[in-house]
Amino acid sequence: MIDKVPLAMIPNSFLVIESLPISSSGKVDYSSLETSTVSTNHDQIEADNAGNSNLLHIIKKVCPSFRS
């Protein structure tokens, strides 16, 4: 990815969420999303199979915050 886009465009971290908050009209509720709390406590991430191991290797290569 580094050879495709400027370094400034590569995120330092990713936020994984279970689901997006939905408004009563069925659209993403952006105001609720902005007020949700984000924990900066990162657990050690381990791969559970070979495919995930390859993916985790790529993610750690691209995203510094996932490196151990």
PDB file of N, CA and C in Angstrom:
ATOM      1  N   MET A   1       0.823  -1.182   0.000  1.00  0.00           N
ATOM      2  CA  MET A   1       0.000   0.000   0.000  1.00  0.00           C
ATOM      3  C   MET A   1       0.876   1.257   0.000  1.00  0.00           C
ATOM      4  N   ILE A   2       2.021   1.188   0.636  1.00  0.00           N
ATOM      5  CA  ILE A   2       2.892   2.350   0.746  1.00  0.00           C
ATOM      6  C   ILE A   2       3.348   2.834  -0.623  1.00  0.00           C
ATOM      7  N   ASP A   3       3.541   1.920  -1.564  1.00  0.00           N
ATOM      8  CA  ASP A   3       3.976   2.341  -2.896  1.00  0.00           C
ATOM      9  C   ASP A   3       2.818   2.852  -3.763  1.00  0.00           C
ATOM     10  N   LYS A   4       1.584   2.745  -3.283  1.00  0.00           N
ATOM     11  CA  LYS A   4       0.409   3.168  -4.053  1.00  0.00           C
ATOM     12  C   LYS A   4      -0.146   4.526  -3.618  1.00  0.00           C
ATOM     13  N   VAL A   5      -0.054   4.842  -2.333  1.00  0.00           N
ATOM     14  CA  VAL A   5      -0.623   6.090  -1.810  1.00  0.00           C
ATOM     15  C   VAL A   5       0.402   6.801  -0.931  1.00  0.00           C
ATOM     16  N   PRO A   6       0.247   8.106  -0.732  1.00  0.00           N
ATOM     17  CA  PRO A   6       1.164   8.830   0.152  1.00  0.00           C
ATOM     18  C   PRO A   6       1.074   8.315   1.587  1.00  0.00           C
ATOM     19  N   LEU A   7       2.168   8.365   2.295  1.00  0.00           N
ATOM     20  CA  LEU A   7       2.232   7.875   3.670  1.00  0.00           C
ATOM     21  C   LEU A   7       1.175   8.536   4.552  1.00  0.00           C
ATOM     22  N   ALA A   8       0.892   9.799   4.318  1.00  0.00           N
ATOM     23  CA  ALA A   8      -0.097  10.521   5.125  1.00  0.00           C
ATOM     24  C   ALA A   8      -1.503   9.946   4.976  1.00  0.00           C
ATOM     25  N   MET A   9      -1.756   9.197   3.918  1.00  0.00           N
ATOM     26  CA  MET A   9      -3.089   8.634   3.690  1.00  0.00           C
ATOM     27  C   MET A   9      -3.259   7.248   4.307  1.00  0.00           C
ATOM     28  N   ILE A  10      -2.197   6.681   4.856  1.00  0.00           N
ATOM     29  CA  ILE A  10      -2.274   5.359   5.471  1.00  0.00           C
ATOM     30  C   ILE A  10      -2.606   5.536   6.948  1.00  0.00           C
ATOM     31  N   PRO A  11      -3.702   4.957   7.425  1.00  0.00           N
ATOM     32  CA  PRO A  11      -4.093   5.145   8.824  1.00  0.00           C
ATOM     33  C   PRO A  11      -3.106   4.497   9.787  1.00  0.00           C
ATOM     34  N   ASN A  12      -2.961   5.118  10.967  1.00  0.00           N
ATOM     35  CA  ASN A  12      -2.120   4.547  12.015  1.00  0.00           C
ATOM     36  C   ASN A  12      -2.847   3.457  12.771  1.00  0.00           C
ATOM     37  N   SER A  13      -4.159   3.512  12.764  1.00  0.00           N
ATOM     38  CA  SER A  13      -4.939   2.504  13.471  1.00  0.00           C
ATOM     39  C   SER A  13      -6.298   2.350  12.801  1.00  0.00           C
ATOM     40  N   PHE A  14      -6.960   1.268  13.147  1.00  0.00           N
ATOM     41  CA  PHE A  14      -8.292   0.989  12.643  1.00  0.00           C
ATOM     42  C   PHE A  14      -9.206   0.768  13.834  1.00  0.00           C
ATOM     43  N   LEU A  15     -10.425   1.189  13.721  1.00  0.00           N
ATOM     44  CA  LEU A  15     -11.414   0.974  14.764  1.00  0.00           C
ATOM     45  C   LEU A  15     -12.380  -0.094  14.273  1.00  0.00           C
ATOM     46  N   VAL A  16     -12.416  -1.201  14.980  1.00  0.00           N
ATOM     47  CA  VAL A  16     -13.318  -2.290  14.621  1.00  0.00           C
ATOM     48  C   VAL A  16     -14.540  -2.184  15.526  1.00  0.00           C
ATOM     49  N   ILE A  17     -15.698  -2.045  14.913  1.00  0.00           N
ATOM     50  CA  ILE A  17     -16.936  -1.969  15.688  1.00  0.00           C
ATOM     51  C   ILE A  17     -17.867  -3.084  15.243  1.00  0.00           C
ATOM     52  N   GLU A  18     -18.701  -3.527  16.185  1.00  0.00           N
ATOM     53  CA  GLU A  18     -19.599  -4.636  15.896  1.00  0.00           C
ATOM     54  C   GLU A  18     -20.711  -4.235  14.932  1.00  0.00           C
ATOM     55  N   SER A  19     -21.267  -3.053  15.128  1.00  0.00           N
ATOM     56  CA  SER A  19     -22.329  -2.584  14.238  1.00  0.00           C
ATOM     57  C   SER A  19     -22.403  -1.063  14.301  1.00  0.00           C
ATOM     58  N   LEU A  20     -22.968  -0.474  13.265  1.00  0.00           N
ATOM     59  CA  LEU A  20     -23.153   0.970  13.222  1.00  0.00           C
ATOM     60  C   LEU A  20     -24.484   1.325  13.874  1.00  0.00           C
ATOM     61  N   PRO A  21     -24.530   2.439  14.626  1.00  0.00           N
ATOM     62  CA  PRO A  21     -25.822   2.850  15.203  1.00  0.00           C
ATOM     63  C   PRO A  21     -26.781   3.271  14.092  1.00  0.00           C
ATOM     64  N   ILE A  22     -28.008   2.823  14.197  1.00  0.00           N
ATOM     65  CA  ILE A  22     -29.014   3.084  13.170  1.00  0.00           C
ATOM     66  C   ILE A  22     -30.105   3.990  13.752  1.00  0.00           C
ATOM     67  N   SER A  23     -30.512   4.996  12.992  1.00  0.00           N
ATOM     68  CA  SER A  23     -31.587   5.899  13.417  1.00  0.00           C
ATOM     69  C   SER A  23     -32.940   5.232  13.183  1.00  0.00           C
ATOM     70  N   SER A  24     -33.993   5.890  13.639  1.00  0.00           N
ATOM     71  CA  SER A  24     -35.340   5.330  13.462  1.00  0.00           C
ATOM     72  C   SER A  24     -35.736   5.231  11.990  1.00  0.00           C
ATOM     73  N   SER A  25     -35.073   6.015  11.129  1.00  0.00           N
ATOM     74  CA  SER A  25     -35.376   5.952   9.696  1.00  0.00           C
ATOM     75  C   SER A  25     -34.566   4.867   8.980  1.00  0.00           C
ATOM     76  N   GLY A  26     -33.710   4.158   9.725  1.00  0.00           N
ATOM     77  CA  GLY A  26     -32.945   3.066   9.136  1.00  0.00           C
ATOM     78  C   GLY A  26     -31.609   3.474   8.549  1.00  0.00           C
ATOM     79  N   LYS A  27     -31.220   4.728   8.757  1.00  0.00           N
ATOM     80  CA  LYS A  27     -29.936   5.214   8.246  1.00  0.00           C
ATOM     81  C   LYS A  27     -28.907   5.220   9.370  1.00  0.00           C
ATOM     82  N   VAL A  28     -27.636   5.346   9.010  1.00  0.00           N
ATOM     83  CA  VAL A  28     -26.579   5.417  10.016  1.00  0.00           C
ATOM     84  C   VAL A  28     -26.773   6.680  10.843  1.00  0.00           C
ATOM     85  N   ASP A  29     -26.772   6.524  12.169  1.00  0.00           N
ATOM     86  CA  ASP A  29     -26.936   7.653  13.085  1.00  0.00           C
ATOM     87  C   ASP A  29     -25.554   8.213  13.404  1.00  0.00           C
ATOM     88  N   TYR A  30     -25.110   9.172  12.587  1.00  0.00           N
ATOM     89  CA  TYR A  30     -23.761   9.718  12.716  1.00  0.00           C
ATOM     90  C   TYR A  30     -23.550  10.448  14.036  1.00  0.00           C
ATOM     91  N   SER A  31     -24.578  11.083  14.580  1.00  0.00           N
ATOM     92  CA  SER A  31     -24.414  11.792  15.852  1.00  0.00           C
ATOM     93  C   SER A  31     -24.134  10.809  16.983  1.00  0.00           C
ATOM     94  N   SER A  32     -24.759   9.649  16.974  1.00  0.00           N
ATOM     95  CA  SER A  32     -24.475   8.624  17.981  1.00  0.00           C
ATOM     96  C   SER A  32     -23.089   8.033  17.782  1.00  0.00           C
ATOM     97  N   LEU A  33     -22.687   7.921  16.539  1.00  0.00           N
ATOM     98  CA  LEU A  33     -21.374   7.369  16.230  1.00  0.00           C
ATOM     99  C   LEU A  33     -20.274   8.277  16.762  1.00  0.00           C
ATOM    100  N   GLU A  34     -20.445   9.587  16.639  1.00  0.00           N
ATOM    101  CA  GLU A  34     -19.447  10.539  17.105  1.00  0.00           C
ATOM    102  C   GLU A  34     -19.336  10.563  18.617  1.00  0.00           C
ATOM    103  N   THR A  35     -20.408  10.281  19.338  1.00  0.00           N
ATOM    104  CA  THR A  35     -20.378  10.347  20.796  1.00  0.00           C
ATOM    105  C   THR A  35     -20.002   9.025  21.444  1.00  0.00           C
ATOM    106  N   SER A  36     -19.861   7.975  20.668  1.00  0.00           N
ATOM    107  CA  SER A  36     -19.486   6.691  21.258  1.00  0.00           C
ATOM    108  C   SER A  36     -18.053   6.764  21.768  1.00  0.00           C
ATOM    109  N   THR A  37     -17.792   6.045  22.849  1.00  0.00           N
ATOM    110  CA  THR A  37     -16.455   6.071  23.442  1.00  0.00           C
ATOM    111  C   THR A  37     -15.562   5.075  22.732  1.00  0.00           C
ATOM    112  N   VAL A  38     -14.331   5.453  22.561  1.00  0.00           N
ATOM    113  CA  VAL A  38     -13.352   4.607  21.896  1.00  0.00           C
ATOM    114  C   VAL A  38     -12.261   4.269  22.887  1.00  0.00           C
ATOM    115  N   SER A  39     -12.015   3.003  23.066  1.00  0.00           N
ATOM    116  CA  SER A  39     -10.947   2.562  23.953  1.00  0.00           C
ATOM    117  C   SER A  39      -9.646   2.489  23.170  1.00  0.00           C
ATOM    118  N   THR A  40      -8.582   3.008  23.755  1.00  0.00           N
ATOM    119  CA  THR A  40      -7.280   2.933  23.095  1.00  0.00           C
ATOM    120  C   THR A  40      -6.472   1.754  23.607  1.00  0.00           C
ATOM    121  N   ASN A  41      -7.095   0.922  24.429  1.00  0.00           N
ATOM    122  CA  ASN A  41      -6.421  -0.254  24.956  1.00  0.00           C
ATOM    123  C   ASN A  41      -6.437  -1.339  23.882  1.00  0.00           C
ATOM    124  N   HIS A  42      -5.269  -1.690  23.383  1.00  0.00           N
ATOM    125  CA  HIS A  42      -5.175  -2.684  22.312  1.00  0.00           C
ATOM    126  C   HIS A  42      -4.773  -4.038  22.898  1.00  0.00           C
ATOM    127  N   ASP A  43      -5.586  -5.031  22.640  1.00  0.00           N
ATOM    128  CA  ASP A  43      -5.243  -6.391  23.037  1.00  0.00           C
ATOM    129  C   ASP A  43      -4.325  -6.988  21.980  1.00  0.00           C
ATOM    130  N   GLN A  44      -3.549  -7.981  22.380  1.00  0.00           N
ATOM    131  CA  GLN A  44      -2.698  -8.676  21.426  1.00  0.00           C
ATOM    132  C   GLN A  44      -3.591  -9.439  20.457  1.00  0.00           C
ATOM    133  N   ILE A  45      -3.335  -9.300  19.204  1.00  0.00           N
ATOM    134  CA  ILE A  45      -4.133  -9.964  18.174  1.00  0.00           C
ATOM    135  C   ILE A  45      -3.373 -11.180  17.680  1.00  0.00           C
ATOM    136  N   GLU A  46      -4.038 -12.322  17.667  1.00  0.00           N
ATOM    137  CA  GLU A  46      -3.433 -13.562  17.193  1.00  0.00           C
ATOM    138  C   GLU A  46      -4.305 -14.156  16.091  1.00  0.00           C
ATOM    139  N   ALA A  47      -3.678 -14.762  15.124  1.00  0.00           N
ATOM    140  CA  ALA A  47      -4.404 -15.425  14.040  1.00  0.00           C
ATOM    141  C   ALA A  47      -4.798 -16.830  14.473  1.00  0.00           C
ATOM    142  N   ASP A  48      -5.970 -17.283  14.033  1.00  0.00           N
ATOM    143  CA  ASP A  48      -6.434 -18.613  14.416  1.00  0.00           C
ATOM    144  C   ASP A  48      -6.320 -19.641  13.294  1.00  0.00           C
ATOM    145  N   ASN A  49      -5.896 -19.234  12.098  1.00  0.00           N
ATOM    146  CA  ASN A  49      -5.656 -20.188  11.019  1.00  0.00           C
ATOM    147  C   ASN A  49      -4.680 -19.579  10.017  1.00  0.00           C
ATOM    148  N   ALA A  50      -4.307 -20.347   9.022  1.00  0.00           N
ATOM    149  CA  ALA A  50      -3.279 -19.908   8.066  1.00  0.00           C
ATOM    150  C   ALA A  50      -3.728 -18.690   7.264  1.00  0.00           C
ATOM    151  N   GLY A  51      -4.983 -18.666   6.835  1.00  0.00           N
ATOM    152  CA  GLY A  51      -5.484 -17.522   6.069  1.00  0.00           C
ATOM    153  C   GLY A  51      -5.467 -16.251   6.892  1.00  0.00           C
ATOM    154  N   ASN A  52      -5.921 -16.362   8.131  1.00  0.00           N
ATOM    155  CA  ASN A  52      -5.904 -15.198   9.012  1.00  0.00           C
ATOM    156  C   ASN A  52      -4.482 -14.801   9.362  1.00  0.00           C
ATOM    157  N   SER A  53      -3.590 -15.759   9.433  1.00  0.00           N
ATOM    158  CA  SER A  53      -2.187 -15.462   9.720  1.00  0.00           C
ATOM    159  C   SER A  53      -1.581 -14.612   8.611  1.00  0.00           C
ATOM    160  N   ASN A  54      -1.877 -14.963   7.362  1.00  0.00           N
ATOM    161  CA  ASN A  54      -1.390 -14.166   6.229  1.00  0.00           C
ATOM    162  C   ASN A  54      -1.977 -12.759   6.254  1.00  0.00           C
ATOM    163  N   LEU A  55      -3.272 -12.660   6.525  1.00  0.00           N
ATOM    164  CA  LEU A  55      -3.928 -11.362   6.587  1.00  0.00           C
ATOM    165  C   LEU A  55      -3.358 -10.518   7.722  1.00  0.00           C
ATOM    166  N   LEU A  56      -3.151 -11.131   8.882  1.00  0.00           N
ATOM    167  CA  LEU A  56      -2.586 -10.413  10.020  1.00  0.00           C
ATOM    168  C   LEU A  56      -1.183  -9.914   9.705  1.00  0.00           C
ATOM    169  N   HIS A  57      -0.410 -10.711   9.009  1.00  0.00           N
ATOM    170  CA  HIS A  57       0.938 -10.293   8.604  1.00  0.00           C
ATOM    171  C   HIS A  57       0.873  -9.043   7.724  1.00  0.00           C
ATOM    172  N   ILE A  58      -0.058  -9.018   6.789  1.00  0.00           N
ATOM    173  CA  ILE A  58      -0.216  -7.862   5.902  1.00  0.00           C
ATOM    174  C   ILE A  58      -0.659  -6.635   6.693  1.00  0.00           C
ATOM    175  N   ILE A  59      -1.623  -6.817   7.588  1.00  0.00           N
ATOM    176  CA  ILE A  59      -2.114  -5.691   8.389  1.00  0.00           C
ATOM    177  C   ILE A  59      -0.995  -5.115   9.249  1.00  0.00           C
ATOM    178  N   LYS A  60      -0.211  -5.983   9.889  1.00  0.00           N
ATOM    179  CA  LYS A  60       0.890  -5.504  10.730  1.00  0.00           C
ATOM    180  C   LYS A  60       1.952  -4.784   9.903  1.00  0.00           C
ATOM    181  N   LYS A  61       2.113  -5.189   8.671  1.00  0.00           N
ATOM    182  CA  LYS A  61       3.091  -4.546   7.791  1.00  0.00           C
ATOM    183  C   LYS A  61       2.639  -3.138   7.403  1.00  0.00           C
ATOM    184  N   VAL A  62       1.331  -2.978   7.195  1.00  0.00           N
ATOM    185  CA  VAL A  62       0.781  -1.708   6.737  1.00  0.00           C
ATOM    186  C   VAL A  62       0.447  -0.762   7.896  1.00  0.00           C
ATOM    187  N   CYS A  63      -0.032  -1.293   9.001  1.00  0.00           N
ATOM    188  CA  CYS A  63      -0.540  -0.465  10.098  1.00  0.00           C
ATOM    189  C   CYS A  63       0.340  -0.606  11.340  1.00  0.00           C
ATOM    190  N   PRO A  64       1.130   0.396  11.660  1.00  0.00           N
ATOM    191  CA  PRO A  64       2.068   0.317  12.781  1.00  0.00           C
ATOM    192  C   PRO A  64       1.424   0.016  14.132  1.00  0.00           C
ATOM    193  N   SER A  65       0.183   0.425  14.360  1.00  0.00           N
ATOM    194  CA  SER A  65      -0.422   0.220  15.676  1.00  0.00           C
ATOM    195  C   SER A  65      -0.731  -1.246  15.964  1.00  0.00           C
ATOM    196  N   PHE A  66      -0.719  -2.114  14.960  1.00  0.00           N
ATOM    197  CA  PHE A  66      -0.974  -3.533  15.167  1.00  0.00           C
ATOM    198  C   PHE A  66       0.306  -4.327  15.397  1.00  0.00           C
ATOM    199  N   ARG A  67       1.441  -3.683  15.287  1.00  0.00           N
ATOM    200  CA  ARG A  67       2.702  -4.392  15.499  1.00  0.00           C
ATOM    201  C   ARG A  67       2.905  -4.646  16.976  1.00  0.00           C
ATOM    202  N   SER A  68       3.473  -5.810  17.306  1.00  0.00           N
ATOM    203  CA  SER A  68       3.701  -6.128  18.717  1.00  0.00           C
ATOM    204  C   SER A  68       5.080  -5.740  19.166  1.00  0.00           C
TER     205      SER A  68
END
